[in-house]
């Protein structure tokens, strides 16, 4: 792995663990095994490196979600696969946690990939739900856009509840609950 890649990956890990303020250039350099000169050779500074790390995290999250959304199966099966995939629940969502970081939210450049990820995620879930509705798998009255926002809100809220309880159980209950609500919109075929 190149030095710039090690710096990006180390920054991604530290942002997830500590947030922006808690991620110092020195901590990044130590974790990456890179010197200060190497860091500033590849990146203009911490904000530039953080932006690269946030973009990478956002891209990975979207690509991973797309694996489930584009898989074969009904809309409900694909949404279920997305919600039930393996996650490090107690660490929280690597993108969702950034919304709780005042420094990230105050910086338009750092906030943009976070906001874009949630916009795209809600949009993609809405597309899957609309496909299911159009194919007769889901009730005609289902609002794909509102339901997609609900799915994302429940997922992110599940992370928060799990972290607060230091248990994955609240997350699993949230996922089970939203899947039950979605199943209530499934049509008999």
Protein backbone atom coordinates (compact mmCIF):
# COMPACT_ATOMS: atom_id res chain seq x y z
CA UNK A 1 0.00 0.00 0.00
CA UNK A 2 1.40 3.40 -0.96
CA UNK A 3 2.01 6.12 1.62
CA UNK A 4 -0.96 8.17 0.44
CA UNK A 5 -3.20 5.08 0.70
CA UNK A 6 -1.94 4.35 4.22
CA UNK A 7 -2.63 7.96 5.19
CA UNK A 8 -6.18 7.83 3.79
CA UNK A 9 -6.95 4.48 5.43
CA UNK A 10 -5.51 5.60 8.76
CA UNK A 11 -7.56 8.79 8.62
CA UNK A 12 -10.71 6.82 7.82
CA UNK A 13 -10.18 4.60 10.85
CA UNK A 14 -9.39 7.50 13.15
CA UNK A 15 -12.37 9.57 11.99
CA UNK A 16 -14.64 6.61 12.73
CA UNK A 17 -13.05 6.02 16.13
CA UNK A 18 -12.36 9.58 17.32
CA UNK A 19 -14.09 12.09 15.06
CA UNK A 20 -12.46 14.99 13.27
CA UNK A 21 -11.21 16.94 16.30
CA UNK A 22 -9.81 13.78 17.90
CA UNK A 23 -7.94 12.89 14.73
CA UNK A 24 -4.66 14.76 14.90
CA UNK A 25 -2.09 14.84 12.10
CA UNK A 26 0.35 13.17 14.50
CA UNK A 27 -2.10 10.30 15.19
CA UNK A 28 -2.65 9.86 11.45
CA UNK A 29 1.08 9.77 10.78
CA UNK A 30 1.70 7.28 13.60
CA UNK A 31 -1.05 4.93 12.47
CA UNK A 32 0.04 5.18 8.83
CA UNK A 33 3.72 4.79 9.65
CA UNK A 34 4.42 7.97 7.69
CA UNK A 35 6.34 11.09 8.52
CA UNK A 36 5.08 14.66 8.52
CA UNK A 37 6.90 15.35 5.26
CA UNK A 38 5.17 12.44 3.55
CA UNK A 39 1.76 13.57 4.76
CA UNK A 40 2.23 17.11 3.50
CA UNK A 41 3.77 15.86 0.28
CA UNK A 42 0.52 14.04 -0.58
CA UNK A 43 -2.05 16.31 1.11
CA UNK A 44 -2.29 20.05 1.75
CA UNK A 45 -3.22 19.43 5.37
CA UNK A 46 -5.62 17.66 7.69
CA UNK A 47 -8.79 19.01 5.98
CA UNK A 48 -7.59 17.78 2.58
CA UNK A 49 -6.72 14.35 3.96
CA UNK A 50 -9.99 14.15 5.90
CA UNK A 51 -11.93 14.98 2.74
CA UNK A 52 -10.18 12.17 0.84
CA UNK A 53 -10.94 9.78 3.71
CA UNK A 54 -14.60 10.83 3.98
CA UNK A 55 -15.06 10.50 0.23
CA UNK A 56 -13.53 7.03 0.27
CA UNK A 57 -15.73 5.94 3.18
CA UNK A 58 -18.83 7.33 1.45
CA UNK A 59 -17.97 5.61 -1.85
CA UNK A 60 -17.42 2.28 -0.10
CA UNK A 61 -20.68 2.58 1.81
CA UNK A 62 -22.62 3.32 -1.39
CA UNK A 63 -20.92 0.50 -3.30
CA UNK A 64 -21.59 -1.98 -0.52
CA UNK A 65 -25.26 -0.99 -0.37
CA UNK A 66 -25.53 -1.28 -4.14
CA UNK A 67 -24.48 -4.93 -3.91
CA UNK A 68 -27.74 -5.69 -2.13
CA UNK A 69 -29.91 -3.23 -4.06
CA UNK A 70 -28.91 -4.59 -7.47
CA UNK A 71 -29.01 -8.27 -6.48
CA UNK A 72 -31.78 -10.53 -7.78
CA UNK A 73 -34.93 -10.83 -5.71
CA UNK A 74 -37.97 -8.89 -4.70
CA UNK A 75 -37.71 -5.35 -3.42
CA UNK A 76 -38.37 -6.55 0.10
CA UNK A 77 -35.67 -9.24 -0.18
CA UNK A 78 -33.11 -6.70 -1.41
CA UNK A 79 -33.96 -4.14 1.28
CA UNK A 80 -33.88 -6.92 3.88
CA UNK A 81 -30.46 -8.07 2.67
CA UNK A 82 -29.19 -4.50 2.95
CA UNK A 83 -30.55 -4.04 6.47
CA UNK A 84 -29.40 -7.45 7.72
CA UNK A 85 -25.90 -7.48 6.27
CA UNK A 86 -23.00 -7.81 8.65
CA UNK A 87 -22.03 -4.52 10.31
CA UNK A 88 -19.87 -3.36 13.19
CA UNK A 89 -22.97 -2.07 14.97
CA UNK A 90 -21.31 -0.89 18.18
CA UNK A 91 -18.85 1.29 16.26
CA UNK A 92 -21.77 2.94 14.47
CA UNK A 93 -22.10 3.91 10.84
CA UNK A 94 -18.83 5.42 9.59
CA UNK A 95 -20.74 8.06 7.60
CA UNK A 96 -23.58 8.55 10.06
CA UNK A 97 -21.15 9.23 12.90
CA UNK A 98 -19.74 12.14 10.93
CA UNK A 99 -23.11 13.92 11.18
CA UNK A 100 -22.52 14.17 14.92
CA UNK A 101 -19.15 15.83 14.43
CA UNK A 102 -19.56 19.62 14.65
CA UNK A 103 -16.31 20.28 12.77
CA UNK A 104 -17.39 18.13 9.82
CA UNK A 105 -20.88 19.62 9.73
CA UNK A 106 -19.51 23.18 9.90
CA UNK A 107 -17.21 22.64 6.91
CA UNK A 108 -19.16 22.63 3.64
CA UNK A 109 -16.52 20.59 1.80
CA UNK A 110 -16.36 17.89 4.49
CA UNK A 111 -20.14 17.81 4.93
CA UNK A 112 -20.87 17.48 1.18
CA UNK A 113 -19.90 13.78 0.76
CA UNK A 114 -21.82 12.91 3.94
CA UNK A 115 -24.96 14.66 2.74
CA UNK A 116 -24.57 13.24 -0.77
CA UNK A 117 -24.27 9.71 0.61
CA UNK A 118 -27.53 9.96 2.50
CA UNK A 119 -29.29 11.59 -0.46
CA UNK A 120 -28.11 8.80 -2.75
CA UNK A 121 -28.92 6.09 -0.22
CA UNK A 122 -32.47 7.34 0.28
CA UNK A 123 -32.83 7.72 -3.48
CA UNK A 124 -31.62 4.21 -4.21
CA UNK A 125 -33.88 2.66 -1.57
CA UNK A 126 -36.80 4.66 -3.00
CA UNK A 127 -35.99 3.27 -6.47
CA UNK A 128 -35.98 -0.31 -5.16
CA UNK A 129 -39.28 0.26 -3.34
CA UNK A 130 -40.83 1.89 -6.44
CA UNK A 131 -39.73 -1.11 -8.52
CA UNK A 132 -41.42 -3.40 -6.02
CA UNK A 133 -44.58 -1.31 -6.05
CA UNK A 134 -44.61 -1.15 -9.86
CA UNK A 135 -44.15 -4.94 -10.10
CA UNK A 136 -47.03 -5.48 -7.70
CA UNK A 137 -44.83 -6.81 -4.88
CA UNK A 138 -45.70 -3.90 -2.62
CA UNK A 139 -49.00 -2.08 -2.06
CA UNK A 140 -49.88 0.58 -4.62
CA UNK A 141 -50.28 3.17 -1.85
CA UNK A 142 -46.71 2.81 -0.59
CA UNK A 143 -44.78 6.10 -0.81
CA UNK A 144 -41.26 5.01 -1.83
CA UNK A 145 -39.61 8.34 -0.98
CA UNK A 146 -41.09 8.65 2.52
CA UNK A 147 -40.52 4.96 3.19
CA UNK A 148 -36.88 5.20 2.07
CA UNK A 149 -36.32 8.06 4.51
CA UNK A 150 -37.91 5.94 7.24
CA UNK A 151 -35.64 2.99 6.47
CA UNK A 152 -32.50 5.15 6.63
CA UNK A 153 -33.69 6.92 9.80
CA UNK A 154 -34.42 3.60 11.53
CA UNK A 155 -31.04 2.20 10.52
CA UNK A 156 -29.13 5.25 11.76
CA UNK A 157 -31.24 5.40 14.90
CA UNK A 158 -30.56 1.72 15.49
CA UNK A 159 -26.84 2.46 15.55
CA UNK A 160 -27.40 5.21 18.12
CA UNK A 161 -29.54 2.99 20.35
CA UNK A 162 -27.02 0.16 20.14
CA UNK A 163 -24.10 2.40 21.03
CA UNK A 164 -26.01 3.90 23.96
CA UNK A 165 -26.87 0.44 25.30
CA UNK A 166 -23.50 -1.07 24.32
CA UNK A 167 -25.52 -3.92 22.88
CA UNK A 168 -26.46 -4.90 19.34
CA UNK A 169 -29.96 -5.87 20.51
CA UNK A 170 -31.59 -2.43 19.99
CA UNK A 171 -30.17 -2.31 16.46
CA UNK A 172 -31.54 -5.76 15.67
CA UNK A 173 -34.93 -4.78 17.10
CA UNK A 174 -34.99 -1.63 14.95
CA UNK A 175 -34.17 -3.63 11.79
CA UNK A 176 -36.74 -6.29 12.66
CA UNK A 177 -39.33 -3.58 13.31
CA UNK A 178 -38.83 -1.73 10.03
CA UNK A 179 -38.82 -5.01 8.10
CA UNK A 180 -42.12 -5.90 9.77
CA UNK A 181 -43.57 -2.56 8.70
CA UNK A 182 -42.36 -3.12 5.14
CA UNK A 183 -43.75 -6.66 5.12
CA UNK A 184 -47.13 -5.15 5.99
CA UNK A 185 -47.03 -3.47 2.57
CA UNK A 186 -46.19 -6.69 0.72
CA UNK A 187 -48.92 -8.00 -1.54
CA UNK A 188 -49.94 -11.62 -1.82
CA UNK A 189 -48.66 -12.92 -5.13
